Amino acid sequence: MNVRLLVYPVAAALLAAALWKFGSSTPAVPACTWRIGAGTYITHGRNFDALPAETPMRLSFTCTEPRYVYVFSHSDEDGTLLLFPSPLVTGAPVNPLPAGNSVLPGTHEGRELAWTTRSGVLAATTFLAVASRDKVTELEELAAMVRLWSNSVFPDRSMQVTKPTGIDDLLGKARSRLPSELLQRAAKVGIDEPDPNGPMAPDPVLDGVWLASWKVREQKSEPKDPQRALQEKLTPPGEKK
């Protein structure tokens, strides 16, 4: 029996029970879990994980009340990207997310969708989640002005990053700071904590808004021995082992 596959459903059930038990006497605090992997092998993200490029990732979001949720990423090389809600992701749920549990970015024709970590990011990427009782005007406006994830570009519905149509002067370009004070505050949440999962932190400025972040690094592949690399390049395909 794969114990790992049992741990996550049990943990989710305990969290949901706790939120239900205390929901009547305390504010409905949303919680999120950053998931790494695909299929049956899924792990929880840890701050400053070293992940290979193109690693599948998702966000599990839970709350006892409907919430508007916004997910962005930011790095020096990539700038700021919109992950959710993206109008170009077919199969994604829509805001506000219903009470209970939702897994973003969603599903398409019965297949789980996933964002992926990006390649060529030398420092770190910060993934940012914001949950709110109401629409956040600041983020609604920003979402229309940054590059975003899409599964509408290629016929196979693969997830890609693209530009919003009709926008030439994009915000959140490479080598620029986060173009939102709210997201800047979110980036500071749990920066010294190893575990980025669990209840989200209340925003110190806006009432009814909660924040979470997760920082990852790109795992560098081991450089090949030059002689071996040349030998592999010159070996005919039929003779390669």
C-alpha atoms as a PDB file:
ATOM      1  CA  MET A   1       0.000   0.000   0.000  1.00  0.00           C
ATOM      2  CA  ASN A   2       1.256   3.456  -0.889  1.00  0.00           C
ATOM      3  CA  VAL A   3       1.089   5.324   2.412  1.00  0.00           C
ATOM      4  CA  ARG A   4       1.764   8.634   0.650  1.00  0.00           C
ATOM      5  CA  LEU A   5      -1.533   8.358  -1.255  1.00  0.00           C
ATOM      6  CA  LEU A   6      -3.436   7.969   2.027  1.00  0.00           C
ATOM      7  CA  VAL A   7      -1.796  10.810   3.905  1.00  0.00           C
ATOM      8  CA  TYR A   8      -3.028  13.644   1.694  1.00  0.00           C
ATOM      9  CA  PRO A   9      -6.765  12.708   1.649  1.00  0.00           C
ATOM     10  CA  VAL A  10      -6.695  12.211   5.423  1.00  0.00           C
ATOM     11  CA  ALA A  11      -4.971  15.567   5.949  1.00  0.00           C
ATOM     12  CA  ALA A  12      -7.492  17.286   3.673  1.00  0.00           C
ATOM     13  CA  ALA A  13     -10.387  15.676   5.551  1.00  0.00           C
ATOM     14  CA  LEU A  14      -9.003  16.789   8.920  1.00  0.00           C
ATOM     15  CA  LEU A  15      -8.535  20.347   7.632  1.00  0.00           C
ATOM     16  CA  ALA A  16     -12.066  20.453   6.239  1.00  0.00           C
ATOM     17  CA  ALA A  17     -13.457  19.118   9.541  1.00  0.00           C
ATOM     18  CA  ALA A  18     -11.561  21.762  11.509  1.00  0.00           C
ATOM     19  CA  LEU A  19     -12.818  24.546   9.237  1.00  0.00           C
ATOM     20  CA  TRP A  20     -16.388  23.258   9.568  1.00  0.00           C
ATOM     21  CA  LYS A  21     -16.163  22.924  13.359  1.00  0.00           C
ATOM     22  CA  PHE A  22     -14.878  26.420  13.988  1.00  0.00           C
ATOM     23  CA  GLY A  23     -16.524  28.176  11.064  1.00  0.00           C
ATOM     24  CA  SER A  24     -19.539  29.328  13.073  1.00  0.00           C
ATOM     25  CA  SER A  25     -17.489  31.140  15.720  1.00  0.00           C
ATOM     26  CA  THR A  26     -14.445  32.334  13.784  1.00  0.00           C
ATOM     27  CA  PRO A  27     -13.890  33.908  10.370  1.00  0.00           C
ATOM     28  CA  ALA A  28     -13.767  31.446   7.484  1.00  0.00           C
ATOM     29  CA  VAL A  29     -10.023  31.371   6.984  1.00  0.00           C
ATOM     30  CA  PRO A  30      -9.011  29.873   3.610  1.00  0.00           C
ATOM     31  CA  ALA A  31      -6.184  27.367   3.340  1.00  0.00           C
ATOM     32  CA  CYS A  32      -4.046  26.306   0.422  1.00  0.00           C
ATOM     33  CA  THR A  33      -1.601  23.542  -0.426  1.00  0.00           C
ATOM     34  CA  TRP A  34       0.943  23.701  -3.222  1.00  0.00           C
ATOM     35  CA  ARG A  35       1.110  20.344  -4.997  1.00  0.00           C
ATOM     36  CA  ILE A  36       4.048  19.005  -7.015  1.00  0.00           C
ATOM     37  CA  GLY A  37       3.855  16.123  -9.460  1.00  0.00           C
ATOM     38  CA  ALA A  38       1.300  14.346 -11.614  1.00  0.00           C
ATOM     39  CA  GLY A  39      -0.819  11.219 -11.568  1.00  0.00           C
ATOM     40  CA  THR A  40      -0.645   9.213  -8.354  1.00  0.00           C
ATOM     41  CA  TYR A  41       2.689  10.608  -7.197  1.00  0.00           C
ATOM     42  CA  ILE A  42       2.022  14.002  -5.639  1.00  0.00           C
ATOM     43  CA  THR A  43       4.026  15.749  -2.943  1.00  0.00           C
ATOM     44  CA  HIS A  44       3.539  19.006  -1.082  1.00  0.00           C
ATOM     45  CA  GLY A  45       5.747  21.953  -1.936  1.00  0.00           C
ATOM     46  CA  ARG A  46       8.347  23.221   0.513  1.00  0.00           C
ATOM     47  CA  ASN A  47       9.895  26.666   0.442  1.00  0.00           C
ATOM     48  CA  PHE A  48      12.977  26.861  -1.756  1.00  0.00           C
ATOM     49  CA  ASP A  49      12.393  23.411  -3.232  1.00  0.00           C
ATOM     50  CA  ALA A  50      14.880  22.714  -6.027  1.00  0.00           C
ATOM     51  CA  LEU A  51      12.673  21.508  -8.879  1.00  0.00           C
ATOM     52  CA  PRO A  52      13.527  20.456 -12.434  1.00  0.00           C
ATOM     53  CA  ALA A  53      12.220  22.736 -15.167  1.00  0.00           C
ATOM     54  CA  GLU A  54       8.731  21.791 -16.416  1.00  0.00           C
ATOM     55  CA  THR A  55       7.728  20.213 -13.084  1.00  0.00           C
ATOM     56  CA  PRO A  56       3.896  19.972 -12.925  1.00  0.00           C
ATOM     57  CA  MET A  57       2.305  21.937 -10.090  1.00  0.00           C
ATOM     58  CA  ARG A  58      -1.200  22.705  -8.816  1.00  0.00           C
ATOM     59  CA  LEU A  59      -2.864  24.589  -5.977  1.00  0.00           C
ATOM     60  CA  SER A  60      -5.396  22.953  -3.690  1.00  0.00           C
ATOM     61  CA  PHE A  61      -7.659  25.601  -2.126  1.00  0.00           C
ATOM     62  CA  THR A  62     -10.118  25.048   0.724  1.00  0.00           C
ATOM     63  CA  CYS A  63     -12.573  27.362   2.458  1.00  0.00           C
ATOM     64  CA  THR A  64     -15.987  27.035   4.101  1.00  0.00           C
ATOM     65  CA  GLU A  65     -17.282  30.023   2.130  1.00  0.00           C
ATOM     66  CA  PRO A  66     -16.968  31.099  -1.524  1.00  0.00           C
ATOM     67  CA  ARG A  67     -13.826  33.111  -2.221  1.00  0.00           C
ATOM     68  CA  TYR A  68     -12.292  35.017  -5.113  1.00  0.00           C
ATOM     69  CA  VAL A  69      -8.855  33.528  -5.699  1.00  0.00           C
ATOM     70  CA  TYR A  70      -5.939  34.968  -7.678  1.00  0.00           C
ATOM     71  CA  VAL A  71      -2.681  33.133  -8.401  1.00  0.00           C
ATOM     72  CA  PHE A  72       0.417  34.778  -9.889  1.00  0.00           C
ATOM     73  CA  SER A  73       4.115  33.944 -10.192  1.00  0.00           C
ATOM     74  CA  HIS A  74       7.114  36.241 -10.282  1.00  0.00           C
ATOM     75  CA  SER A  75      10.816  35.899 -11.090  1.00  0.00           C
ATOM     76  CA  ASP A  76      13.524  38.169 -12.460  1.00  0.00           C
ATOM     77  CA  GLU A  77      13.722  36.248 -15.735  1.00  0.00           C
ATOM     78  CA  ASP A  78      10.002  35.738 -16.326  1.00  0.00           C
ATOM     79  CA  GLY A  79       8.544  38.822 -14.703  1.00  0.00           C
ATOM     80  CA  THR A  80       4.968  38.481 -13.437  1.00  0.00           C
ATOM     81  CA  LEU A  81       2.640  35.815 -14.849  1.00  0.00           C
ATOM     82  CA  LEU A  82      -1.058  35.208 -14.226  1.00  0.00           C
ATOM     83  CA  LEU A  83      -1.872  31.595 -13.374  1.00  0.00           C
ATOM     84  CA  PHE A  84      -5.511  31.964 -12.225  1.00  0.00           C
ATOM     85  CA  PRO A  85      -8.074  33.076 -13.218  1.00  0.00           C
ATOM     86  CA  SER A  86      -6.908  32.896 -16.831  1.00  0.00           C
ATOM     87  CA  PRO A  87      -9.605  33.345 -19.483  1.00  0.00           C
ATOM     88  CA  LEU A  88      -7.458  31.276 -21.855  1.00  0.00           C
ATOM     89  CA  VAL A  89      -7.505  28.071 -19.769  1.00  0.00           C
ATOM     90  CA  THR A  90     -10.386  25.887 -20.921  1.00  0.00           C
ATOM     91  CA  GLY A  91     -11.635  23.711 -18.067  1.00  0.00           C
ATOM     92  CA  ALA A  92     -10.613  26.052 -15.264  1.00  0.00           C
ATOM     93  CA  PRO A  93     -13.159  26.855 -12.544  1.00  0.00           C
ATOM     94  CA  VAL A  94     -14.429  30.420 -12.314  1.00  0.00           C
ATOM     95  CA  ASN A  95     -14.354  32.976  -9.522  1.00  0.00           C
ATOM     96  CA  PRO A  96     -15.616  32.990  -6.896  1.00  0.00           C
ATOM     97  CA  LEU A  97     -14.569  29.444  -6.081  1.00  0.00           C
ATOM     98  CA  PRO A  98     -17.339  27.581  -4.249  1.00  0.00           C
ATOM     99  CA  ALA A  99     -17.163  26.537  -0.612  1.00  0.00           C
ATOM    100  CA  GLY A 100     -15.211  23.341  -0.102  1.00  0.00           C
ATOM    101  CA  ASN A 101     -12.117  22.238  -1.993  1.00  0.00           C
ATOM    102  CA  SER A 102     -10.983  23.278  -5.472  1.00  0.00           C
ATOM    103  CA  VAL A 103      -7.823  22.203  -7.281  1.00  0.00           C
ATOM    104  CA  LEU A 104      -6.384  24.729  -9.708  1.00  0.00           C
ATOM    105  CA  PRO A 105      -5.870  25.123 -12.622  1.00  0.00           C
ATOM    106  CA  GLY A 106      -8.721  22.634 -13.209  1.00  0.00           C
ATOM    107  CA  THR A 107      -9.439  19.770 -15.610  1.00  0.00           C
ATOM    108  CA  HIS A 108     -10.078  19.392 -19.326  1.00  0.00           C
ATOM    109  CA  GLU A 109     -11.923  16.391 -20.776  1.00  0.00           C
ATOM    110  CA  GLY A 110     -11.291  14.415 -17.596  1.00  0.00           C
ATOM    111  CA  ARG A 111      -7.570  15.179 -17.511  1.00  0.00           C
ATOM    112  CA  GLU A 112      -6.001  17.207 -14.737  1.00  0.00           C
ATOM    113  CA  LEU A 113      -4.399  20.411 -15.924  1.00  0.00           C
ATOM    114  CA  ALA A 114      -1.185  21.686 -14.362  1.00  0.00           C
ATOM    115  CA  TRP A 115       1.056  24.689 -14.548  1.00  0.00           C
ATOM    116  CA  THR A 116       4.766  23.925 -14.716  1.00  0.00           C
ATOM    117  CA  THR A 117       7.897  25.460 -13.306  1.00  0.00           C
ATOM    118  CA  ARG A 118       9.747  27.488 -15.912  1.00  0.00           C
ATOM    119  CA  SER A 119      13.254  26.996 -17.261  1.00  0.00           C
ATOM    120  CA  GLY A 120      16.142  29.430 -17.207  1.00  0.00           C
ATOM    121  CA  VAL A 121      15.238  31.025 -13.870  1.00  0.00           C
ATOM    122  CA  LEU A 122      18.558  31.623 -12.136  1.00  0.00           C
ATOM    123  CA  ALA A 123      17.445  32.893  -8.739  1.00  0.00           C
ATOM    124  CA  ALA A 124      13.995  31.887  -7.485  1.00  0.00           C
ATOM    125  CA  THR A 125      10.363  31.951  -8.525  1.00  0.00           C
ATOM    126  CA  THR A 126       7.699  33.100  -6.083  1.00  0.00           C
ATOM    127  CA  PHE A 127       4.177  31.768  -6.498  1.00  0.00           C
ATOM    128  CA  LEU A 128       1.538  34.007  -4.944  1.00  0.00           C
ATOM    129  CA  ALA A 129      -2.031  33.229  -3.891  1.00  0.00           C
ATOM    130  CA  VAL A 130      -4.626  35.785  -2.796  1.00  0.00           C
ATOM    131  CA  ALA A 131      -8.100  34.901  -1.493  1.00  0.00           C
ATOM    132  CA  SER A 132     -10.801  37.493  -0.889  1.00  0.00           C
ATOM    133  CA  ARG A 133     -14.454  37.760   0.087  1.00  0.00           C
ATOM    134  CA  ASP A 134     -14.940  40.207  -2.803  1.00  0.00           C
ATOM    135  CA  LYS A 135     -13.326  40.960  -6.133  1.00  0.00           C
ATOM    136  CA  VAL A 136      -9.949  42.675  -5.768  1.00  0.00           C
ATOM    137  CA  THR A 137      -9.948  45.574  -8.241  1.00  0.00           C
ATOM    138  CA  GLU A 138      -6.168  45.915  -8.115  1.00  0.00           C
ATOM    139  CA  LEU A 139      -5.679  42.317  -9.222  1.00  0.00           C
ATOM    140  CA  GLU A 140      -8.551  42.274 -11.716  1.00  0.00           C
ATOM    141  CA  GLU A 141      -6.901  45.159 -13.554  1.00  0.00           C
ATOM    142  CA  LEU A 142      -3.426  43.626 -13.320  1.00  0.00           C
ATOM    143  CA  ALA A 143      -4.643  40.272 -14.659  1.00  0.00           C
ATOM    144  CA  ALA A 144      -5.531  41.876 -17.992  1.00  0.00           C
ATOM    145  CA  MET A 145      -2.077  43.444 -18.384  1.00  0.00           C
ATOM    146  CA  VAL A 146       0.386  40.592 -17.774  1.00  0.00           C
ATOM    147  CA  ARG A 147       1.314  37.407 -19.616  1.00  0.00           C
ATOM    148  CA  LEU A 148      -0.852  34.467 -18.673  1.00  0.00           C
ATOM    149  CA  TRP A 149      -1.145  30.705 -18.817  1.00  0.00           C
ATOM    150  CA  SER A 150      -3.255  29.178 -21.570  1.00  0.00           C
ATOM    151  CA  ASN A 151      -4.248  25.796 -22.972  1.00  0.00           C
ATOM    152  CA  SER A 152      -5.841  27.419 -26.036  1.00  0.00           C
ATOM    153  CA  VAL A 153      -2.685  27.979 -28.090  1.00  0.00           C
ATOM    154  CA  PHE A 154      -2.017  24.465 -29.408  1.00  0.00           C
ATOM    155  CA  PRO A 155      -4.486  21.763 -30.561  1.00  0.00           C
ATOM    156  CA  ASP A 156      -3.252  19.304 -27.926  1.00  0.00           C
ATOM    157  CA  ARG A 157      -4.414  21.704 -25.171  1.00  0.00           C
ATOM    158  CA  SER A 158      -0.967  21.779 -23.590  1.00  0.00           C
ATOM    159  CA  MET A 159      -0.364  24.474 -21.004  1.00  0.00           C
ATOM    160  CA  GLN A 160       1.706  27.395 -22.282  1.00  0.00           C
ATOM    161  CA  VAL A 161       2.459  31.006 -21.352  1.00  0.00           C
ATOM    162  CA  THR A 162       1.231  33.609 -23.816  1.00  0.00           C
ATOM    163  CA  LYS A 163       0.446  37.310 -24.184  1.00  0.00           C
ATOM    164  CA  PRO A 164      -3.080  38.648 -23.690  1.00  0.00           C
ATOM    165  CA  THR A 165      -4.617  39.693 -26.992  1.00  0.00           C
ATOM    166  CA  GLY A 166      -4.658  43.383 -27.829  1.00  0.00           C
ATOM    167  CA  ILE A 167      -2.078  44.353 -25.203  1.00  0.00           C
ATOM    168  CA  ASP A 168       1.258  45.757 -26.356  1.00  0.00           C
ATOM    169  CA  ASP A 169       2.534  47.555 -23.258  1.00  0.00           C
ATOM    170  CA  LEU A 170       2.631  44.680 -20.774  1.00  0.00           C
ATOM    171  CA  LEU A 171       3.121  45.062 -17.041  1.00  0.00           C
ATOM    172  CA  GLY A 172       5.304  42.775 -14.971  1.00  0.00           C
ATOM    173  CA  LYS A 173       8.110  42.539 -17.480  1.00  0.00           C
ATOM    174  CA  ALA A 174      11.380  40.727 -16.790  1.00  0.00           C
ATOM    175  CA  ARG A 175      13.795  42.430 -14.395  1.00  0.00           C
ATOM    176  CA  SER A 176      10.989  44.523 -12.888  1.00  0.00           C
ATOM    177  CA  ARG A 177       9.462  44.386  -9.432  1.00  0.00           C
ATOM    178  CA  LEU A 178       5.998  43.014  -8.732  1.00  0.00           C
ATOM    179  CA  PRO A 179       3.523  45.532 -10.219  1.00  0.00           C
ATOM    180  CA  SER A 180       1.146  45.326  -7.246  1.00  0.00           C
ATOM    181  CA  GLU A 181       1.562  46.371  -3.642  1.00  0.00           C
ATOM    182  CA  LEU A 182      -0.809  43.604  -2.585  1.00  0.00           C
ATOM    183  CA  LEU A 183       1.318  40.969  -4.320  1.00  0.00           C
ATOM    184  CA  GLN A 184       4.437  42.504  -2.806  1.00  0.00           C
ATOM    185  CA  ARG A 185       2.914  41.925   0.623  1.00  0.00           C
ATOM    186  CA  ALA A 186       1.961  38.370  -0.360  1.00  0.00           C
ATOM    187  CA  ALA A 187       5.566  37.648  -1.372  1.00  0.00           C
ATOM    188  CA  LYS A 188       6.669  38.329   2.211  1.00  0.00           C
ATOM    189  CA  VAL A 189       4.298  35.773   3.745  1.00  0.00           C
ATOM    190  CA  GLY A 190       6.122  32.832   5.285  1.00  0.00           C
ATOM    191  CA  ILE A 191       9.426  33.811   3.717  1.00  0.00           C
ATOM    192  CA  ASP A 192      11.344  32.264   6.626  1.00  0.00           C
ATOM    193  CA  GLU A 193       9.054  29.231   7.032  1.00  0.00           C
ATOM    194  CA  PRO A 194       9.951  25.861   5.494  1.00  0.00           C
ATOM    195  CA  ASP A 195       6.296  24.866   4.963  1.00  0.00           C
ATOM    196  CA  PRO A 196       4.172  27.212   2.802  1.00  0.00           C
ATOM    197  CA  ASN A 197       0.979  25.127   3.139  1.00  0.00           C
ATOM    198  CA  GLY A 198      -1.964  25.564   5.474  1.00  0.00           C
ATOM    199  CA  PRO A 199      -4.123  28.505   6.571  1.00  0.00           C
ATOM    200  CA  MET A 200      -3.463  31.690   4.627  1.00  0.00           C
ATOM    201  CA  ALA A 201      -2.280  34.851   6.394  1.00  0.00           C
ATOM    202  CA  PRO A 202      -4.598  37.862   6.703  1.00  0.00           C
ATOM    203  CA  ASP A 203      -3.491  40.864   4.687  1.00  0.00           C
ATOM    204  CA  PRO A 204      -2.397  43.655   7.079  1.00  0.00           C
ATOM    205  CA  VAL A 205      -3.996  46.347   4.888  1.00  0.00           C
ATOM    206  CA  LEU A 206      -7.167  44.998   3.270  1.00  0.00           C
ATOM    207  CA  ASP A 207      -9.934  43.462   5.356  1.00  0.00           C
ATOM    208  CA  GLY A 208     -11.279  40.134   4.135  1.00  0.00           C
ATOM    209  CA  VAL A 209      -8.157  39.334   2.113  1.00  0.00           C
ATOM    210  CA  TRP A 210      -5.739  36.451   2.803  1.00  0.00           C
ATOM    211  CA  LEU A 211      -2.279  35.800   1.370  1.00  0.00           C
ATOM    212  CA  ALA A 212       0.109  32.906   0.731  1.00  0.00           C
ATOM    213  CA  SER A 213       3.359  32.387  -1.156  1.00  0.00           C
ATOM    214  CA  TRP A 214       5.728  29.608  -2.157  1.00  0.00           C
ATOM    215  CA  LYS A 215       9.323  30.035  -3.303  1.00  0.00           C
ATOM    216  CA  VAL A 216      11.107  27.514  -5.541  1.00  0.00           C
ATOM    217  CA  ARG A 217      14.492  27.252  -7.236  1.00  0.00           C
ATOM    218  CA  GLU A 218      15.367  25.598 -10.528  1.00  0.00           C
ATOM    219  CA  GLN A 219      17.272  22.366 -10.113  1.00  0.00           C
ATOM    220  CA  LYS A 220      20.464  22.498 -12.116  1.00  0.00           C
ATOM    221  CA  SER A 221      21.251  19.391 -14.140  1.00  0.00           C
ATOM    222  CA  GLU A 222      24.674  17.828 -13.762  1.00  0.00           C
ATOM    223  CA  PRO A 223      26.976  18.852 -16.634  1.00  0.00           C
ATOM    224  CA  LYS A 224      28.013  15.953 -18.841  1.00  0.00           C
ATOM    225  CA  ASP A 225      31.600  14.982 -19.381  1.00  0.00           C
ATOM    226  CA  PRO A 226      32.538  16.645 -22.716  1.00  0.00           C
ATOM    227  CA  GLN A 227      34.107  13.463 -24.127  1.00  0.00           C
ATOM    228  CA  ARG A 228      31.059  11.389 -23.236  1.00  0.00           C
ATOM    229  CA  ALA A 229      28.698  14.006 -24.661  1.00  0.00           C
ATOM    230  CA  LEU A 230      30.609  14.005 -27.954  1.00  0.00           C
ATOM    231  CA  GLN A 231      30.586  10.205 -28.075  1.00  0.00           C
ATOM    232  CA  GLU A 232      26.809  10.112 -27.534  1.00  0.00           C
ATOM    233  CA  LYS A 233      26.299  12.695 -30.262  1.00  0.00           C
ATOM    234  CA  LEU A 234      28.341  10.688 -32.812  1.00  0.00           C
ATOM    235  CA  THR A 235      26.863   7.283 -31.967  1.00  0.00           C
ATOM    236  CA  PRO A 236      24.215   6.144 -34.499  1.00  0.00           C
ATOM    237  CA  PRO A 237      20.714   5.889 -32.946  1.00  0.00           C
ATOM    238  CA  GLY A 238      20.532   2.127 -33.416  1.00  0.00           C
ATOM    239  CA  GLU A 239      23.708   1.594 -31.418  1.00  0.00           C
ATOM    240  CA  LYS A 240      22.786   3.751 -28.432  1.00  0.00           C
ATOM    241  CA  LYS A 241      21.999   1.921 -25.241  1.00  0.00           C
END
